[in-house]
Amino acid sequence: MTPKDMMVADANADAMGIPRTSLMENAGRCLSNGLTKYKEPCKVAIYAGNGGNGGDGFVAARYLINRGFEVEVFLLSDPALIKSREASLNWKVLQSMNQGTSPLKLELVRDSSELHPTDAEVVVDALLGTGVKGKLREPVSTAVDIINQSEGFKVAVDVPTGVDPASGMVTDKAVQADVTITFHKVKVGLNIASVEYVGNIEVGDIGIPAEAELFTGPGDLLRIKKRDDESHKGQNGKVLVIGGSKEYSGAPALAALASLAAGADIVVVACPRELSPVIRSYSPDIIVHSLSNDFLNPKDTDELVELSEKFDAVVIGCGIGRESETALAVNDLVVEIENPMVIDADALKLVGPGVLPRRVHETVITPHAGEFREFSGIGAPLDMYDKIHVVKEVSRESETTVVLKGAVDIVARNDRLKLNRTGNPGMTVGGTGDCLAGLTGALLAQGHDGFEAAFLGAYINGLAGDIAAKKYGYNFKATDILDFIPRAFY
């Protein structure tokens, strides 16, 4: 798993009711257990940073003392600068213990001159873990040298300091561990890094349930890409919405407004010409591009393919209708447009059944149960296990990310799976699916891959609906959801 995946799992576990203090306690105990597999009671030096990695070291110190070890903890920070509440609490526990009644010694290191070689038989690297970025700063850099120069048995907590947890690369220098005790799952960089740095890899179970990764949660919002402070207009996503028909003018407008609410800079709706003034009337924020006729047809294909080149993502299908000529146009556009794409509503029925025309670029389809049945030819079974199996199979065959909307949304891309349970019965109102399509399109335009854009879109759309339900009960409209999408991002 990546460092971001681990942060998400931590936050989602916390939201499930497993406090971060419990996770840190479990991590410290795992570290102590792992260390005692290699060494009998002896002198241990723990070099700790001011983040969660250091907190794990503080907890381990307590367990090691109870097992008869002599422990010296070097905190490379002012205690007031400890970053997490959990690590701060565990440092205060060590301070309370440090009364001369146990073999514990605490040393504060504010600069490298205060560091000195250690004769400890075990040296623990609890400095940075997954927090490494670029060249190591002092006093951490000197601490890494001291650890490596030590003749003691070297244990790294989660990831050796200096090893990039995502790439396994060492930019400057890194701890050369005899064993790395990592938590929950192996970080991807550990599998790539040289054994010279990671040594043996052991995984400690700290009590994060599988559901913290399987189900979306507030931790997943950590995946949202941050805006560059120096960004300019258009840099945060441009979305083209192709849709609308004489029966449905609101659907493409809702998708466009949802894209804007999700932070896209520019959204254009390409729609039949008679709808143009209607869609313009919804909001001055929507740019409207008029097509040639009263419904999408093959005469529009070349124009739309050329227009799409100016955008980062395309949403097609919202209210598009089911004219036979529209079907021809949609099938051409799905193949010829070279952008990440969300295919929704009637467009799904027009390109089905079963397998989409071959697309090279990211593709997300967002059917409800009826649309899924028409697209795939398979009625979604009632049993969740069977539903998941069917959605995965359709994803593989169509080479798309599939979002099967329901009380629990199922999001699959081949064997990757996410379930989403935000949302409520009020979201059966028309237009909420158009909001999801537009939201997902904005996330695609902002650089998320199809799978991530899909499950984040489902989570945020459902959460916006839940916020609307708190204000209005279940009697809210899709336009009410639009008002709460920005709030659901935070």
Protein backbone atom coordinates (compact mmCIF):
# COMPACT_ATOMS: atom_id res chain seq x y z
CA MET A 1 0.00 0.00 0.00
CA THR A 2 1.07 3.60 -0.54
CA PRO A 3 1.68 6.09 2.30
CA LYS A 4 -1.53 7.88 1.28
CA ASP A 5 -3.45 4.59 1.46
CA MET A 6 -2.17 4.13 5.01
CA MET A 7 -3.22 7.65 6.02
CA VAL A 8 -6.66 6.99 4.57
CA ALA A 9 -7.00 3.66 6.40
CA ASP A 10 -5.98 5.30 9.71
CA ALA A 11 -8.54 8.08 9.29
CA ASN A 12 -11.32 5.73 8.19
CA ALA A 13 -10.62 3.41 11.14
CA ASP A 14 -10.85 6.43 13.43
CA ALA A 15 -14.20 7.34 11.85
CA MET A 16 -15.37 3.77 12.48
CA GLY A 17 -14.71 4.25 16.20
CA ILE A 18 -11.17 2.89 16.50
CA PRO A 19 -9.25 5.82 18.02
CA ARG A 20 -5.80 6.71 16.76
CA THR A 21 -4.51 6.25 20.30
CA SER A 22 -5.47 2.57 20.02
CA LEU A 23 -3.69 2.24 16.67
CA MET A 24 -0.53 3.82 18.09
CA GLU A 25 -0.74 1.60 21.16
CA ASN A 26 -1.02 -1.47 18.96
CA ALA A 27 1.85 -0.29 16.74
CA GLY A 28 4.14 0.20 19.75
CA ARG A 29 3.23 -3.21 21.12
CA CYS A 30 3.89 -4.82 17.72
CA LEU A 31 7.27 -3.09 17.62
CA SER A 32 8.12 -4.39 21.07
CA ASN A 33 6.95 -7.89 20.22
CA GLY A 34 8.95 -7.91 17.01
CA LEU A 35 12.11 -6.70 18.68
CA THR A 36 11.95 -9.32 21.43
CA LYS A 37 11.91 -12.05 18.80
CA TYR A 38 15.49 -11.08 18.01
CA LYS A 39 16.93 -10.00 21.36
CA GLU A 40 16.80 -10.87 25.04
CA PRO A 41 16.56 -7.95 27.53
CA CYS A 42 19.43 -5.54 26.91
CA LYS A 43 20.08 -1.85 26.36
CA VAL A 44 17.92 -0.21 23.66
CA ALA A 45 18.36 3.26 22.14
CA ILE A 46 15.25 4.71 20.45
CA TYR A 47 15.76 7.72 18.16
CA ALA A 48 12.36 9.39 17.82
CA GLY A 49 11.00 12.18 15.66
CA ASN A 50 8.06 14.43 16.49
CA GLY A 51 5.50 12.58 14.36
CA GLY A 52 3.52 9.38 14.61
CA ASN A 53 6.63 7.30 14.01
CA GLY A 54 8.16 8.74 17.16
CA GLY A 55 4.91 8.06 19.02
CA ASP A 56 5.15 4.38 18.08
CA GLY A 57 8.66 4.43 19.57
CA PHE A 58 7.39 6.01 22.81
CA VAL A 59 4.82 3.23 23.24
CA ALA A 60 7.40 0.53 22.45
CA ALA A 61 9.70 1.98 25.12
CA ARG A 62 7.05 1.38 27.76
CA TYR A 63 6.50 -2.24 26.72
CA LEU A 64 10.23 -2.93 26.48
CA ILE A 65 10.81 -1.67 30.01
CA ASN A 66 8.08 -3.99 31.26
CA ARG A 67 9.97 -6.84 29.58
CA GLY A 68 13.21 -6.03 31.36
CA PHE A 69 15.00 -3.89 28.77
CA GLU A 70 16.97 -0.76 29.58
CA VAL A 71 15.68 2.01 27.32
CA GLU A 72 17.08 5.37 26.33
CA VAL A 73 14.85 7.60 24.18
CA PHE A 74 16.35 10.45 22.14
CA LEU A 75 13.61 12.90 21.09
CA LEU A 76 14.90 15.00 18.19
CA SER A 77 12.49 17.83 18.84
CA ASP A 78 11.11 20.18 21.43
CA PRO A 79 8.21 18.28 23.07
CA ALA A 80 5.98 21.28 22.35
CA LEU A 81 6.49 20.62 18.63
CA ILE A 82 5.25 17.02 18.67
CA LYS A 83 2.79 16.94 15.79
CA SER A 84 0.10 14.49 16.86
CA ARG A 85 -2.04 14.39 19.96
CA GLU A 86 -1.43 10.65 20.31
CA ALA A 87 2.37 10.97 20.19
CA SER A 88 2.26 13.87 22.65
CA LEU A 89 0.17 11.84 25.09
CA ASN A 90 2.62 8.94 24.94
CA TRP A 91 5.61 11.25 25.45
CA LYS A 92 3.91 12.58 28.59
CA VAL A 93 3.47 8.98 29.78
CA LEU A 94 7.23 8.44 29.46
CA GLN A 95 7.88 11.68 31.35
CA SER A 96 5.62 10.45 34.15
CA MET A 97 7.52 7.17 34.23
CA ASN A 98 10.93 8.85 34.28
CA GLN A 99 11.23 9.05 38.07
CA GLY A 100 14.34 6.91 38.54
CA THR A 101 12.20 3.90 39.39
CA SER A 102 12.62 2.17 36.02
CA PRO A 103 15.53 1.71 33.58
CA LEU A 104 14.35 4.62 31.39
CA LYS A 105 16.33 7.64 30.28
CA LEU A 106 14.93 10.52 28.18
CA GLU A 107 17.12 12.93 26.24
CA LEU A 108 16.00 15.97 24.22
CA VAL A 109 18.05 16.68 21.10
CA ARG A 110 17.53 20.13 19.60
CA ASP A 111 20.58 20.17 17.33
CA SER A 112 23.10 17.67 16.01
CA SER A 113 25.82 18.69 18.50
CA GLU A 114 23.77 17.08 21.27
CA LEU A 115 23.93 13.65 19.59
CA HIS A 116 26.61 11.13 20.49
CA PRO A 117 27.43 7.52 19.58
CA THR A 118 25.53 4.83 21.48
CA ASP A 119 26.70 1.51 22.86
CA ALA A 120 23.16 0.09 22.90
CA GLU A 121 22.77 -3.49 21.70
CA VAL A 122 19.56 -2.53 19.87
CA VAL A 123 19.05 0.78 18.02
CA VAL A 124 15.54 1.74 16.95
CA ASP A 125 14.87 4.19 14.11
CA ALA A 126 11.57 5.91 14.95
CA LEU A 127 12.56 9.18 13.28
CA LEU A 128 10.46 9.80 10.16
CA GLY A 129 8.94 6.61 8.76
CA THR A 130 6.63 7.51 5.88
CA GLY A 131 7.20 11.23 6.49
CA VAL A 132 10.44 11.45 4.49
CA LYS A 133 10.64 14.09 1.76
CA GLY A 134 13.89 14.83 -0.06
CA LYS A 135 17.20 15.47 1.65
CA LEU A 136 17.32 14.79 5.39
CA ARG A 137 17.66 17.80 7.66
CA GLU A 138 19.57 18.12 10.89
CA PRO A 139 19.53 16.72 13.48
CA VAL A 140 17.89 13.76 11.72
CA SER A 141 20.74 13.47 9.21
CA THR A 142 23.33 13.08 11.98
CA ALA A 143 21.07 10.65 13.85
CA VAL A 144 20.94 8.44 10.74
CA ASP A 145 24.75 8.44 10.64
CA ILE A 146 24.95 7.46 14.32
CA ILE A 147 22.42 4.66 13.87
CA ASN A 148 24.32 3.28 10.87
CA GLN A 149 27.67 3.52 12.67
CA SER A 150 26.33 1.68 15.69
CA GLU A 151 27.32 -1.96 16.18
CA GLY A 152 23.87 -2.64 17.63
CA PHE A 153 21.00 -4.54 16.00
CA LYS A 154 19.08 -1.96 13.95
CA VAL A 155 15.28 -1.88 13.85
CA ALA A 156 13.35 0.54 11.59
CA VAL A 157 9.80 1.53 12.50
CA ASP A 158 7.40 1.24 9.54
CA VAL A 159 9.96 2.48 6.94
CA PRO A 160 13.68 3.17 7.42
CA THR A 161 14.31 6.90 7.66
CA GLY A 162 15.54 8.18 4.30
CA VAL A 163 13.81 5.52 2.19
CA ASP A 164 10.97 6.93 0.10
CA PRO A 165 7.94 4.85 1.17
CA ALA A 166 6.36 5.15 -2.27
CA SER A 167 9.32 4.58 -4.59
CA GLY A 168 11.89 2.83 -2.37
CA MET A 169 14.48 5.38 -3.53
CA VAL A 170 17.11 6.95 -1.28
CA THR A 171 17.72 10.58 -2.20
CA ASP A 172 20.40 11.37 0.35
CA LYS A 173 21.12 8.72 2.97
CA ALA A 174 19.03 6.22 4.87
CA VAL A 175 19.07 3.97 7.92
CA GLN A 176 20.47 0.54 7.09
CA ALA A 177 18.13 -1.64 9.13
CA ASP A 178 18.55 -5.28 10.04
CA VAL A 179 14.78 -5.53 10.28
CA THR A 180 11.92 -3.22 9.34
CA ILE A 181 8.73 -3.67 11.38
CA THR A 182 5.92 -2.13 9.35
CA PHE A 183 2.25 -1.88 10.27
CA HIS A 184 -1.01 -3.12 8.75
CA LYS A 185 0.45 -3.80 5.28
CA VAL A 186 3.81 -3.54 3.54
CA LYS A 187 4.35 -0.08 2.07
CA VAL A 188 5.03 -0.25 -1.64
CA GLY A 189 8.49 1.31 -1.33
CA LEU A 190 9.67 -1.48 0.98
CA ASN A 191 9.20 -4.03 -1.76
CA ILE A 192 11.30 -1.93 -4.13
CA ALA A 193 14.03 -0.68 -1.79
CA SER A 194 17.38 -2.38 -1.47
CA VAL A 195 17.63 -5.03 1.24
CA GLU A 196 20.68 -3.07 2.40
CA TYR A 197 18.23 -0.55 3.88
CA VAL A 198 15.13 -2.53 4.83
CA GLY A 199 16.65 -5.84 5.98
CA ASN A 200 14.01 -8.38 6.89
CA ILE A 201 10.45 -7.04 6.65
CA GLU A 202 7.87 -7.95 9.27
CA VAL A 203 4.24 -6.79 9.31
CA GLY A 204 2.41 -6.03 12.54
CA ASP A 205 -1.39 -6.15 12.79
CA ILE A 206 -2.50 -2.96 14.56
CA GLY A 207 -6.22 -3.66 14.39
CA ILE A 208 -7.34 -1.78 11.27
CA PRO A 209 -10.28 -3.77 9.87
CA ALA A 210 -10.55 -4.55 6.17
CA GLU A 211 -13.68 -2.38 6.05
CA ALA A 212 -11.57 0.74 6.67
CA GLU A 213 -10.13 0.20 3.20
CA LEU A 214 -13.11 -1.43 1.50
CA PHE A 215 -15.66 1.25 2.38
CA THR A 216 -15.20 4.90 1.54
CA GLY A 217 -14.89 7.22 4.50
CA PRO A 218 -13.71 10.69 5.51
CA GLY A 219 -10.12 9.54 5.21
CA ASP A 220 -10.57 9.20 1.46
CA LEU A 221 -10.90 12.95 1.22
CA LEU A 222 -7.14 13.01 1.85
CA ARG A 223 -6.84 11.78 -1.73
CA ILE A 224 -8.31 15.01 -3.14
CA LYS A 225 -5.67 16.83 -5.13
CA LYS A 226 -4.75 20.20 -3.65
CA ARG A 227 -4.87 23.38 -5.71
CA ASP A 228 -1.59 25.03 -6.56
CA ASP A 229 -1.49 28.49 -4.97
CA GLU A 230 -0.13 29.80 -8.27
CA SER A 231 -2.74 28.07 -10.46
CA HIS A 232 -4.55 29.99 -13.18
CA LYS A 233 -7.95 29.68 -14.86
CA GLY A 234 -8.46 26.25 -16.36
CA GLN A 235 -5.63 24.57 -14.48
CA ASN A 236 -8.06 22.96 -12.00
CA GLY A 237 -10.06 21.11 -14.59
CA LYS A 238 -12.08 21.77 -17.73
CA VAL A 239 -15.15 19.60 -18.28
CA LEU A 240 -17.27 19.16 -21.39
CA VAL A 241 -20.81 17.90 -20.77
CA ILE A 242 -22.56 16.45 -23.84
CA GLY A 243 -26.25 15.90 -23.25
CA GLY A 244 -29.79 17.17 -23.23
CA SER A 245 -32.84 16.58 -25.38
CA LYS A 246 -36.25 18.17 -25.78
CA GLU A 247 -37.54 16.10 -22.84
CA TYR A 248 -34.58 16.71 -20.52
CA SER A 249 -32.93 20.10 -20.23
CA GLY A 250 -32.16 19.95 -16.51
CA ALA A 251 -29.94 16.86 -16.57
CA PRO A 252 -26.92 18.33 -18.37
CA ALA A 253 -27.29 21.56 -16.39
CA LEU A 254 -27.16 19.62 -13.10
CA ALA A 255 -24.08 17.72 -14.26
CA ALA A 256 -22.38 20.98 -15.22
CA LEU A 257 -23.24 22.70 -11.95
CA ALA A 258 -21.99 19.67 -10.00
CA SER A 259 -18.68 19.86 -11.88
CA LEU A 260 -18.37 23.51 -10.92
CA ALA A 261 -19.31 22.75 -7.31
CA ALA A 262 -16.53 20.11 -7.29
CA GLY A 263 -13.97 22.75 -8.23
CA ALA A 264 -13.68 22.50 -11.99
CA ASP A 265 -12.64 25.87 -13.42
CA ILE A 266 -14.50 25.72 -16.72
CA VAL A 267 -17.56 23.70 -17.70
CA VAL A 268 -19.21 23.76 -21.11
CA VAL A 269 -22.50 22.09 -21.97
CA ALA A 270 -22.83 20.97 -25.60
CA CYS A 271 -26.55 20.52 -26.21
CA PRO A 272 -29.25 20.63 -28.92
CA ARG A 273 -29.75 24.19 -30.14
CA GLU A 274 -33.31 24.59 -28.88
CA LEU A 275 -32.11 23.85 -25.33
CA SER A 276 -29.33 26.43 -25.35
CA PRO A 277 -31.35 29.36 -23.94
CA VAL A 278 -32.96 27.10 -21.34
CA ILE A 279 -29.65 25.76 -20.05
CA ARG A 280 -28.12 29.25 -20.06
CA SER A 281 -30.99 30.36 -17.85
CA TYR A 282 -30.01 27.93 -15.07
CA SER A 283 -26.78 29.74 -14.26
CA PRO A 284 -24.47 32.36 -15.73
CA ASP A 285 -21.59 30.05 -14.70
CA ILE A 286 -22.45 27.51 -17.41
CA ILE A 287 -21.03 28.05 -20.88
CA VAL A 288 -23.30 26.61 -23.57
CA HIS A 289 -22.26 25.29 -26.97
CA SER A 290 -25.19 24.83 -29.38
CA LEU A 291 -25.35 21.78 -31.63
CA SER A 292 -26.82 21.57 -35.12
CA ASN A 293 -30.27 20.15 -34.48
CA ASP A 294 -32.94 19.36 -31.92
CA PHE A 295 -31.10 16.24 -30.81
CA LEU A 296 -27.53 14.95 -30.95
CA ASN A 297 -26.82 13.35 -34.33
CA PRO A 298 -23.81 12.27 -36.45
CA LYS A 299 -23.54 15.74 -38.00
CA ASP A 300 -22.23 16.92 -34.62
CA THR A 301 -19.55 14.26 -34.23
CA ASP A 302 -16.58 15.99 -35.87
CA GLU A 303 -17.37 19.27 -34.19
CA LEU A 304 -17.59 17.66 -30.75
CA VAL A 305 -14.40 15.63 -31.20
CA GLU A 306 -12.55 18.84 -32.09
CA LEU A 307 -14.19 20.73 -29.20
CA SER A 308 -13.26 17.97 -26.73
CA GLU A 309 -9.57 18.55 -27.37
CA LYS A 310 -9.80 21.73 -25.26
CA PHE A 311 -11.03 19.80 -22.20
CA ASP A 312 -9.59 17.50 -19.56
CA ALA A 313 -12.65 15.24 -19.23
CA VAL A 314 -15.99 14.61 -20.91
CA VAL A 315 -19.36 13.67 -19.41
CA ILE A 316 -21.78 12.21 -21.93
CA GLY A 317 -25.34 10.98 -21.65
CA CYS A 318 -27.18 13.17 -19.14
CA GLY A 319 -30.67 13.67 -20.63
CA ILE A 320 -29.33 12.89 -24.11
CA GLY A 321 -32.40 10.98 -25.34
CA ARG A 322 -32.62 7.77 -27.33
CA GLU A 323 -33.08 8.78 -30.94
CA SER A 324 -31.56 6.32 -33.42
CA GLU A 325 -29.31 9.06 -34.84
CA THR A 326 -28.24 9.95 -31.31
CA ALA A 327 -27.19 6.34 -30.81
CA LEU A 328 -24.95 6.54 -33.89
CA ALA A 329 -23.40 9.79 -32.67
CA VAL A 330 -22.80 8.51 -29.14
CA ASN A 331 -21.07 5.35 -30.36
CA ASP A 332 -18.82 7.43 -32.62
CA LEU A 333 -18.01 9.94 -29.86
CA VAL A 334 -17.17 7.28 -27.30
CA VAL A 335 -14.50 5.92 -29.65
CA GLU A 336 -13.18 9.13 -31.19
CA ILE A 337 -12.97 11.42 -28.15
CA GLU A 338 -9.55 11.00 -26.59
CA ASN A 339 -10.33 12.16 -23.07
CA PRO A 340 -11.19 10.54 -19.76
CA MET A 341 -14.95 10.08 -19.93
CA VAL A 342 -18.00 9.50 -17.76
CA ILE A 343 -20.79 7.70 -19.59
CA ASP A 344 -24.16 8.02 -17.88
CA ALA A 345 -27.90 7.60 -18.31
CA ASP A 346 -29.23 7.18 -21.85
CA ALA A 347 -25.73 7.01 -23.33
CA LEU A 348 -25.22 3.72 -21.50
CA LYS A 349 -28.31 2.29 -23.14
CA LEU A 350 -27.16 3.49 -26.53
CA VAL A 351 -23.69 1.90 -26.39
CA GLY A 352 -24.77 -1.39 -24.80
CA PRO A 353 -25.37 -4.12 -24.32
CA GLY A 354 -22.39 -5.62 -22.60
CA VAL A 355 -19.16 -4.22 -23.96
CA LEU A 356 -18.30 -0.63 -24.78
CA PRO A 357 -16.55 0.25 -28.02
CA ARG A 358 -12.82 0.04 -27.31
CA ARG A 359 -11.46 3.09 -25.45
CA VAL A 360 -7.82 3.75 -24.58
CA HIS A 361 -8.56 6.46 -22.02
CA GLU A 362 -10.09 6.30 -18.54
CA THR A 363 -13.79 5.47 -18.68
CA VAL A 364 -16.34 5.50 -15.88
CA ILE A 365 -19.92 4.29 -16.24
CA THR A 366 -22.47 5.17 -13.57
CA PRO A 367 -25.61 3.05 -13.96
CA HIS A 368 -28.43 2.49 -11.50
CA ALA A 369 -29.85 -1.02 -11.35
CA GLY A 370 -32.11 -0.59 -14.39
CA GLU A 371 -29.40 0.95 -16.55
CA PHE A 372 -26.96 -1.71 -15.41
CA ARG A 373 -29.41 -4.38 -16.54
CA GLU A 374 -29.84 -2.74 -19.96
CA PHE A 375 -26.11 -2.19 -20.45
CA SER A 376 -24.88 -5.56 -19.25
CA GLY A 377 -27.86 -7.76 -19.98
CA ILE A 378 -27.52 -9.00 -16.39
CA GLY A 379 -30.04 -8.29 -13.69
CA ALA A 380 -28.16 -7.24 -10.57
CA PRO A 381 -28.79 -9.96 -7.93
CA LEU A 382 -29.98 -9.06 -4.45
CA ASP A 383 -27.10 -10.68 -2.56
CA MET A 384 -24.20 -8.22 -2.03
CA TYR A 385 -21.54 -10.87 -2.66
CA ASP A 386 -23.10 -11.77 -6.02
CA LYS A 387 -23.56 -8.10 -6.92
CA ILE A 388 -19.87 -7.45 -6.34
CA HIS A 389 -18.92 -10.45 -8.46
CA VAL A 390 -21.15 -9.30 -11.34
CA VAL A 391 -19.96 -5.68 -11.23
CA LYS A 392 -16.32 -6.79 -11.28
CA GLU A 393 -17.02 -9.07 -14.22
CA VAL A 394 -18.75 -6.31 -16.19
CA SER A 395 -15.85 -3.98 -15.39
CA ARG A 396 -13.34 -6.48 -16.77
CA GLU A 397 -15.35 -7.19 -19.92
CA SER A 398 -16.07 -3.51 -20.67
CA GLU A 399 -12.62 -2.32 -19.52
CA THR A 400 -14.22 0.46 -17.49
CA THR A 401 -14.70 1.59 -13.94
CA VAL A 402 -18.27 0.65 -13.02
CA VAL A 403 -20.31 2.48 -10.39
CA LEU A 404 -23.47 0.52 -9.63
CA LYS A 405 -25.59 3.05 -7.77
CA GLY A 406 -27.73 1.80 -4.91
CA ALA A 407 -28.22 1.90 -1.15
CA VAL A 408 -24.58 0.77 -1.11
CA ASP A 409 -22.74 1.91 -4.23
CA ILE A 410 -20.40 -0.71 -5.72
CA VAL A 411 -17.37 0.72 -7.51
CA ALA A 412 -15.10 -1.70 -9.37
CA ARG A 413 -12.21 -1.55 -11.80
CA ASN A 414 -11.20 -5.11 -12.61
CA ASP A 415 -10.30 -6.52 -9.17
CA ARG A 416 -10.12 -3.14 -7.40
CA LEU A 417 -13.20 -2.60 -5.28
CA LYS A 418 -14.74 0.13 -3.15
CA LEU A 419 -18.13 0.25 -1.47
CA ASN A 420 -19.87 3.49 -0.56
CA ARG A 421 -22.71 3.85 1.91
CA THR A 422 -23.16 7.63 2.02
CA GLY A 423 -26.53 8.77 0.74
CA ASN A 424 -30.10 8.27 1.87
CA PRO A 425 -33.63 7.50 0.59
CA GLY A 426 -34.14 11.17 -0.34
CA MET A 427 -31.67 10.68 -3.17
CA THR A 428 -34.21 8.73 -5.20
CA VAL A 429 -35.31 12.14 -6.49
CA GLY A 430 -34.47 12.76 -10.13
CA GLY A 431 -31.17 14.46 -10.92
CA THR A 432 -28.92 13.05 -8.20
CA GLY A 433 -27.30 10.73 -10.74
CA ASP A 434 -26.56 13.70 -13.00
CA CYS A 435 -24.85 15.37 -10.04
CA LEU A 436 -22.72 12.24 -9.55
CA ALA A 437 -21.75 12.17 -13.24
CA GLY A 438 -20.69 15.82 -13.20
CA LEU A 439 -18.84 15.44 -9.92
CA THR A 440 -16.95 12.42 -11.20
CA GLY A 441 -16.13 14.26 -14.42
CA ALA A 442 -14.61 17.12 -12.43
CA LEU A 443 -12.43 14.71 -10.43
CA LEU A 444 -11.25 13.08 -13.66
CA ALA A 445 -10.44 16.53 -15.06
CA GLN A 446 -8.42 17.30 -11.93
CA GLY A 447 -6.16 14.31 -12.51
CA HIS A 448 -7.66 11.45 -10.52
CA ASP A 449 -7.72 8.07 -12.24
CA GLY A 450 -11.10 6.62 -13.14
CA PHE A 451 -11.42 4.34 -10.13
CA GLU A 452 -10.48 7.04 -7.63
CA ALA A 453 -12.67 9.66 -9.30
CA ALA A 454 -15.59 7.23 -9.22
CA PHE A 455 -15.48 6.24 -5.56
CA LEU A 456 -14.64 9.77 -4.42
CA GLY A 457 -17.53 11.07 -6.52
CA ALA A 458 -19.92 8.53 -5.01
CA TYR A 459 -18.77 9.37 -1.47
CA ILE A 460 -18.97 13.15 -1.90
CA ASN A 461 -22.29 13.06 -3.76
CA GLY A 462 -23.85 10.84 -1.08
CA LEU A 463 -22.40 12.95 1.73
CA ALA A 464 -23.83 16.11 0.15
CA GLY A 465 -27.18 14.31 0.09
CA ASP A 466 -26.81 13.40 3.76
CA ILE A 467 -26.10 17.04 4.64
CA ALA A 468 -29.19 18.06 2.63
CA ALA A 469 -31.27 15.48 4.51
CA LYS A 470 -30.18 16.96 7.85
CA LYS A 471 -31.54 20.33 6.73
CA TYR A 472 -34.64 19.31 4.76
CA GLY A 473 -35.44 15.74 5.76
CA TYR A 474 -35.87 13.50 2.72
CA ASN A 475 -37.86 16.14 0.82
CA PHE A 476 -34.95 17.76 -0.95
CA LYS A 477 -34.11 18.32 -4.62
CA ALA A 478 -31.06 17.58 -6.67
CA THR A 479 -30.37 21.32 -6.77
CA ASP A 480 -30.17 21.24 -2.95
CA ILE A 481 -27.39 18.67 -3.21
CA LEU A 482 -25.43 21.09 -5.40
CA ASP A 483 -25.35 23.58 -2.53
CA PHE A 484 -23.68 21.06 -0.23
CA ILE A 485 -21.10 19.48 -2.57
CA PRO A 486 -18.38 22.03 -1.63
CA ARG A 487 -18.96 21.35 2.08
CA ALA A 488 -18.72 17.59 1.52
CA PHE A 489 -15.13 18.00 0.33
CA TYR A 490 -13.93 18.98 3.82
